[in-house]
């Protein structure tokens, strides 16, 4: 008879963490040479949403 070793239900072979690793971005805020396909995608997105994307109200919303 072989002795069976009971394994835990969830075995983590490689330790890991869920804490974020944030670093400060040092690059430019605006890309001076954006890719045309990015601009086309944004144009299509704005055309799809139309004026519903933007709103203005004289009364504050709570």
PDB file of N, CA and C in Angstrom:
ATOM      1  N   UNK A   1       0.838  -1.173   0.000  1.00  0.00           N
ATOM      2  CA  UNK A   1       0.000   0.000   0.000  1.00  0.00           C
ATOM      3  C   UNK A   1       0.886   1.240   0.000  1.00  0.00           C
ATOM      4  N   UNK A   2       0.536   2.190  -0.862  1.00  0.00           N
ATOM      5  CA  UNK A   2       1.313   3.429  -0.879  1.00  0.00           C
ATOM      6  C   UNK A   2       0.583   4.466  -0.040  1.00  0.00           C
ATOM      7  N   UNK A   3       1.349   5.217   0.674  1.00  0.00           N
ATOM      8  CA  UNK A   3       0.763   6.263   1.505  1.00  0.00           C
ATOM      9  C   UNK A   3       0.464   7.465   0.617  1.00  0.00           C
ATOM     10  N   UNK A   4      -0.760   7.952   0.679  1.00  0.00           N
ATOM     11  CA  UNK A   4      -1.101   9.122  -0.139  1.00  0.00           C
ATOM     12  C   UNK A   4      -0.915  10.386   0.695  1.00  0.00           C
ATOM     13  N   UNK A   5      -0.321  11.368   0.054  1.00  0.00           N
ATOM     14  CA  UNK A   5      -0.096  12.659   0.699  1.00  0.00           C
ATOM     15  C   UNK A   5      -1.195  13.596   0.226  1.00  0.00           C
ATOM     16  N   UNK A   6      -1.903  14.186   1.175  1.00  0.00           N
ATOM     17  CA  UNK A   6      -2.994  15.079   0.815  1.00  0.00           C
ATOM     18  C   UNK A   6      -2.420  16.439   0.425  1.00  0.00           C
ATOM     19  N   UNK A   7      -2.761  16.896  -0.774  1.00  0.00           N
ATOM     20  CA  UNK A   7      -2.318  18.197  -1.273  1.00  0.00           C
ATOM     21  C   UNK A   7      -3.372  19.247  -0.934  1.00  0.00           C
ATOM     22  N   UNK A   8      -2.935  20.487  -0.709  1.00  0.00           N
ATOM     23  CA  UNK A   8      -3.911  21.559  -0.502  1.00  0.00           C
ATOM     24  C   UNK A   8      -4.767  21.747  -1.759  1.00  0.00           C
ATOM     25  N   UNK A   9      -5.939  22.304  -1.589  1.00  0.00           N
ATOM     26  CA  UNK A   9      -6.861  22.477  -2.709  1.00  0.00           C
ATOM     27  C   UNK A   9      -6.299  23.414  -3.771  1.00  0.00           C
ATOM     28  N   UNK A  10      -5.563  24.437  -3.374  1.00  0.00           N
ATOM     29  CA  UNK A  10      -5.020  25.414  -4.321  1.00  0.00           C
ATOM     30  C   UNK A  10      -3.537  25.558  -4.049  1.00  0.00           C
ATOM     31  N   UNK A  11      -2.733  25.078  -4.949  1.00  0.00           N
ATOM     32  CA  UNK A  11      -1.289  25.109  -4.764  1.00  0.00           C
ATOM     33  C   UNK A  11      -0.710  26.255  -5.575  1.00  0.00           C
ATOM     34  N   UNK A  12       0.030  27.124  -4.918  1.00  0.00           N
ATOM     35  CA  UNK A  12       0.710  28.225  -5.594  1.00  0.00           C
ATOM     36  C   UNK A  12       2.172  27.859  -5.674  1.00  0.00           C
ATOM     37  N   UNK A  13       2.623  27.581  -6.883  1.00  0.00           N
ATOM     38  CA  UNK A  13       4.011  27.175  -7.042  1.00  0.00           C
ATOM     39  C   UNK A  13       4.951  28.369  -7.036  1.00  0.00           C
ATOM     40  N   UNK A  14       4.494  29.498  -7.578  1.00  0.00           N
ATOM     41  CA  UNK A  14       5.328  30.693  -7.641  1.00  0.00           C
ATOM     42  C   UNK A  14       4.661  31.762  -6.790  1.00  0.00           C
ATOM     43  N   UNK A  15       5.358  32.297  -5.811  1.00  0.00           N
ATOM     44  CA  UNK A  15       4.756  33.352  -4.991  1.00  0.00           C
ATOM     45  C   UNK A  15       4.411  34.571  -5.849  1.00  0.00           C
ATOM     46  N   UNK A  16       3.321  35.207  -5.531  1.00  0.00           N
ATOM     47  CA  UNK A  16       2.934  36.402  -6.267  1.00  0.00           C
ATOM     48  C   UNK A  16       2.298  37.390  -5.307  1.00  0.00           C
ATOM     49  N   UNK A  17       2.143  38.624  -5.778  1.00  0.00           N
ATOM     50  CA  UNK A  17       1.519  39.649  -4.963  1.00  0.00           C
ATOM     51  C   UNK A  17       0.458  40.350  -5.791  1.00  0.00           C
ATOM     52  N   UNK A  18      -0.534  40.889  -5.130  1.00  0.00           N
ATOM     53  CA  UNK A  18      -1.566  41.640  -5.834  1.00  0.00           C
ATOM     54  C   UNK A  18      -1.403  43.135  -5.611  1.00  0.00           C
ATOM     55  N   UNK A  19      -0.358  43.543  -4.923  1.00  0.00           N
ATOM     56  CA  UNK A  19      -0.161  44.970  -4.685  1.00  0.00           C
ATOM     57  C   UNK A  19       0.336  45.643  -5.964  1.00  0.00           C
ATOM     58  N   UNK A  20      -0.144  46.863  -6.232  1.00  0.00           N
ATOM     59  CA  UNK A  20       0.258  47.549  -7.463  1.00  0.00           C
ATOM     60  C   UNK A  20       1.711  48.013  -7.409  1.00  0.00           C
ATOM     61  N   UNK A  21       2.312  48.045  -8.575  1.00  0.00           N
ATOM     62  CA  UNK A  21       3.665  48.584  -8.699  1.00  0.00           C
ATOM     63  C   UNK A  21       3.567  49.812  -9.588  1.00  0.00           C
ATOM     64  N   UNK A  22       3.448  50.967  -8.964  1.00  0.00           N
ATOM     65  CA  UNK A  22       3.254  52.198  -9.719  1.00  0.00           C
ATOM     66  C   UNK A  22       4.564  52.955  -9.856  1.00  0.00           C
ATOM     67  N   UNK A  23       4.758  53.513 -11.040  1.00  0.00           N
ATOM     68  CA  UNK A  23       5.911  54.375 -11.275  1.00  0.00           C
ATOM     69  C   UNK A  23       5.411  55.653 -11.924  1.00  0.00           C
ATOM     70  N   UNK A  24       6.067  56.735 -11.616  1.00  0.00           N
ATOM     71  CA  UNK A  24       5.677  58.031 -12.163  1.00  0.00           C
ATOM     72  C   UNK A  24       6.014  58.086 -13.652  1.00  0.00           C
ATOM     73  N   UNK A  25       5.057  58.547 -14.466  1.00  0.00           N
ATOM     74  CA  UNK A  25       5.270  58.666 -15.903  1.00  0.00           C
ATOM     75  C   UNK A  25       6.067  59.925 -16.178  1.00  0.00           C
ATOM     76  N   UNK A  26       7.152  59.787 -16.876  1.00  0.00           N
ATOM     77  CA  UNK A  26       8.025  60.919 -17.171  1.00  0.00           C
ATOM     78  C   UNK A  26       7.932  61.365 -18.627  1.00  0.00           C
ATOM     79  N   UNK A  27       7.085  60.740 -19.416  1.00  0.00           N
ATOM     80  CA  UNK A  27       6.990  61.053 -20.844  1.00  0.00           C
ATOM     81  C   UNK A  27       6.153  62.290 -21.116  1.00  0.00           C
ATOM     82  N   UNK A  28       6.006  62.627 -22.393  1.00  0.00           N
ATOM     83  CA  UNK A  28       5.209  63.805 -22.764  1.00  0.00           C
ATOM     84  C   UNK A  28       3.717  63.553 -22.527  1.00  0.00           C
ATOM     85  N   UNK A  29       2.969  64.626 -22.272  1.00  0.00           N
ATOM     86  CA  UNK A  29       1.533  64.492 -22.044  1.00  0.00           C
ATOM     87  C   UNK A  29       0.786  64.245 -23.346  1.00  0.00           C
ATOM     88  N   UNK A  30       1.270  64.833 -24.421  1.00  0.00           N
ATOM     89  CA  UNK A  30       0.632  64.682 -25.724  1.00  0.00           C
ATOM     90  C   UNK A  30       1.669  64.170 -26.706  1.00  0.00           C
ATOM     91  N   UNK A  31       1.298  63.164 -27.474  1.00  0.00           N
ATOM     92  CA  UNK A  31       2.192  62.619 -28.493  1.00  0.00           C
ATOM     93  C   UNK A  31       2.238  63.597 -29.666  1.00  0.00           C
ATOM     94  N   UNK A  32       3.402  64.164 -29.976  1.00  0.00           N
ATOM     95  CA  UNK A  32       3.473  65.137 -31.079  1.00  0.00           C
ATOM     96  C   UNK A  32       3.237  64.490 -32.449  1.00  0.00           C
ATOM     97  N   UNK A  33       3.421  63.189 -32.564  1.00  0.00           N
ATOM     98  CA  UNK A  33       3.221  62.478 -33.830  1.00  0.00           C
ATOM     99  C   UNK A  33       2.333  61.252 -33.624  1.00  0.00           C
ATOM    100  N   UNK A  34       1.018  61.472 -33.391  1.00  0.00           N
ATOM    101  CA  UNK A  34       0.141  60.317 -33.166  1.00  0.00           C
ATOM    102  C   UNK A  34      -0.020  59.503 -34.449  1.00  0.00           C
ATOM    103  N   UNK A  35      -0.289  58.232 -34.292  1.00  0.00           N
ATOM    104  CA  UNK A  35      -0.488  57.361 -35.452  1.00  0.00           C
ATOM    105  C   UNK A  35      -1.831  57.686 -36.109  1.00  0.00           C
ATOM    106  N   UNK A  36      -1.859  57.739 -37.432  1.00  0.00           N
ATOM    107  CA  UNK A  36      -3.114  58.047 -38.133  1.00  0.00           C
ATOM    108  C   UNK A  36      -4.247  57.076 -37.789  1.00  0.00           C
ATOM    109  N   UNK A  37      -3.936  55.797 -37.577  1.00  0.00           N
ATOM    110  CA  UNK A  37      -5.011  54.843 -37.256  1.00  0.00           C
ATOM    111  C   UNK A  37      -5.629  55.147 -35.895  1.00  0.00           C
ATOM    112  N   UNK A  38      -4.832  55.685 -34.953  1.00  0.00           N
ATOM    113  CA  UNK A  38      -5.370  56.084 -33.649  1.00  0.00           C
ATOM    114  C   UNK A  38      -6.329  57.262 -33.827  1.00  0.00           C
ATOM    115  N   UNK A  39      -5.903  58.254 -34.623  1.00  0.00           N
ATOM    116  CA  UNK A  39      -6.756  59.419 -34.853  1.00  0.00           C
ATOM    117  C   UNK A  39      -8.040  59.028 -35.580  1.00  0.00           C
ATOM    118  N   UNK A  40      -7.936  58.121 -36.548  1.00  0.00           N
ATOM    119  CA  UNK A  40      -9.130  57.657 -37.260  1.00  0.00           C
ATOM    120  C   UNK A  40     -10.092  56.941 -36.311  1.00  0.00           C
ATOM    121  N   UNK A  41      -9.552  56.116 -35.422  1.00  0.00           N
ATOM    122  CA  UNK A  41     -10.394  55.399 -34.459  1.00  0.00           C
ATOM    123  C   UNK A  41     -11.094  56.379 -33.528  1.00  0.00           C
ATOM    124  N   UNK A  42     -10.393  57.419 -33.095  1.00  0.00           N
ATOM    125  CA  UNK A  42     -11.006  58.424 -32.214  1.00  0.00           C
ATOM    126  C   UNK A  42     -12.069  59.215 -32.958  1.00  0.00           C
ATOM    127  N   UNK A  43     -11.806  59.543 -34.234  1.00  0.00           N
ATOM    128  CA  UNK A  43     -12.795  60.258 -35.032  1.00  0.00           C
ATOM    129  C   UNK A  43     -14.072  59.432 -35.179  1.00  0.00           C
ATOM    130  N   UNK A  44     -13.927  58.127 -35.453  1.00  0.00           N
ATOM    131  CA  UNK A  44     -15.097  57.243 -35.573  1.00  0.00           C
ATOM    132  C   UNK A  44     -15.849  57.155 -34.245  1.00  0.00           C
ATOM    133  N   UNK A  45     -15.092  57.108 -33.143  1.00  0.00           N
ATOM    134  CA  UNK A  45     -15.716  57.037 -31.814  1.00  0.00           C
ATOM    135  C   UNK A  45     -16.530  58.293 -31.535  1.00  0.00           C
ATOM    136  N   UNK A  46     -15.969  59.463 -31.852  1.00  0.00           N
ATOM    137  CA  UNK A  46     -16.687  60.717 -31.628  1.00  0.00           C
ATOM    138  C   UNK A  46     -17.906  60.817 -32.536  1.00  0.00           C
ATOM    139  N   UNK A  47     -17.777  60.370 -33.787  1.00  0.00           N
ATOM    140  CA  UNK A  47     -18.918  60.393 -34.703  1.00  0.00           C
ATOM    141  C   UNK A  47     -20.023  59.452 -34.234  1.00  0.00           C
ATOM    142  N   UNK A  48     -19.656  58.326 -33.676  1.00  0.00           N
ATOM    143  CA  UNK A  48     -20.634  57.358 -33.191  1.00  0.00           C
ATOM    144  C   UNK A  48     -21.425  57.925 -32.017  1.00  0.00           C
ATOM    145  N   UNK A  49     -20.745  58.582 -31.085  1.00  0.00           N
ATOM    146  CA  UNK A  49     -21.401  59.101 -29.889  1.00  0.00           C
ATOM    147  C   UNK A  49     -22.081  60.436 -30.157  1.00  0.00           C
ATOM    148  N   UNK A  50     -21.535  61.231 -31.050  1.00  0.00           N
ATOM    149  CA  UNK A  50     -22.132  62.508 -31.418  1.00  0.00           C
ATOM    150  C   UNK A  50     -22.252  63.458 -30.235  1.00  0.00           C
ATOM    151  N   UNK A  51     -23.282  64.297 -30.263  1.00  0.00           N
ATOM    152  CA  UNK A  51     -23.431  65.301 -29.201  1.00  0.00           C
ATOM    153  C   UNK A  51     -23.762  64.707 -27.834  1.00  0.00           C
ATOM    154  N   UNK A  52     -24.147  63.445 -27.793  1.00  0.00           N
ATOM    155  CA  UNK A  52     -24.459  62.823 -26.506  1.00  0.00           C
ATOM    156  C   UNK A  52     -23.218  62.644 -25.639  1.00  0.00           C
ATOM    157  N   UNK A  53     -22.043  62.743 -26.279  1.00  0.00           N
ATOM    158  CA  UNK A  53     -20.802  62.603 -25.526  1.00  0.00           C
ATOM    159  C   UNK A  53     -20.567  63.820 -24.645  1.00  0.00           C
ATOM    160  N   UNK A  54     -21.009  64.986 -25.117  1.00  0.00           N
ATOM    161  CA  UNK A  54     -20.763  66.238 -24.412  1.00  0.00           C
ATOM    162  C   UNK A  54     -22.066  66.748 -23.812  1.00  0.00           C
ATOM    163  N   UNK A  55     -21.971  67.375 -22.657  1.00  0.00           N
ATOM    164  CA  UNK A  55     -23.158  67.923 -22.015  1.00  0.00           C
ATOM    165  C   UNK A  55     -22.782  69.150 -21.205  1.00  0.00           C
ATOM    166  N   UNK A  56     -23.726  70.034 -21.053  1.00  0.00           N
ATOM    167  CA  UNK A  56     -23.528  71.223 -20.243  1.00  0.00           C
ATOM    168  C   UNK A  56     -24.813  71.477 -19.480  1.00  0.00           C
ATOM    169  N   UNK A  57     -24.662  71.845 -18.226  1.00  0.00           N
ATOM    170  CA  UNK A  57     -25.828  72.088 -17.395  1.00  0.00           C
ATOM    171  C   UNK A  57     -25.611  73.351 -16.588  1.00  0.00           C
ATOM    172  N   UNK A  58     -26.663  74.151 -16.465  1.00  0.00           N
ATOM    173  CA  UNK A  58     -26.574  75.366 -15.657  1.00  0.00           C
ATOM    174  C   UNK A  58     -26.735  75.064 -14.178  1.00  0.00           C
ATOM    175  N   UNK A  59     -27.324  73.918 -13.863  1.00  0.00           N
ATOM    176  CA  UNK A  59     -27.501  73.554 -12.462  1.00  0.00           C
ATOM    177  C   UNK A  59     -26.513  72.450 -12.096  1.00  0.00           C
ATOM    178  N   UNK A  60     -25.923  72.539 -10.918  1.00  0.00           N
ATOM    179  CA  UNK A  60     -24.970  71.497 -10.516  1.00  0.00           C
ATOM    180  C   UNK A  60     -25.680  70.171 -10.279  1.00  0.00           C
ATOM    181  N   UNK A  61     -25.036  69.105 -10.648  1.00  0.00           N
ATOM    182  CA  UNK A  61     -25.582  67.766 -10.441  1.00  0.00           C
ATOM    183  C   UNK A  61     -25.008  67.193  -9.152  1.00  0.00           C
ATOM    184  N   UNK A  62     -25.851  66.530  -8.388  1.00  0.00           N
ATOM    185  CA  UNK A  62     -25.358  65.924  -7.147  1.00  0.00           C
ATOM    186  C   UNK A  62     -25.467  64.430  -7.215  1.00  0.00           C
TER     187      UNK A  62
END
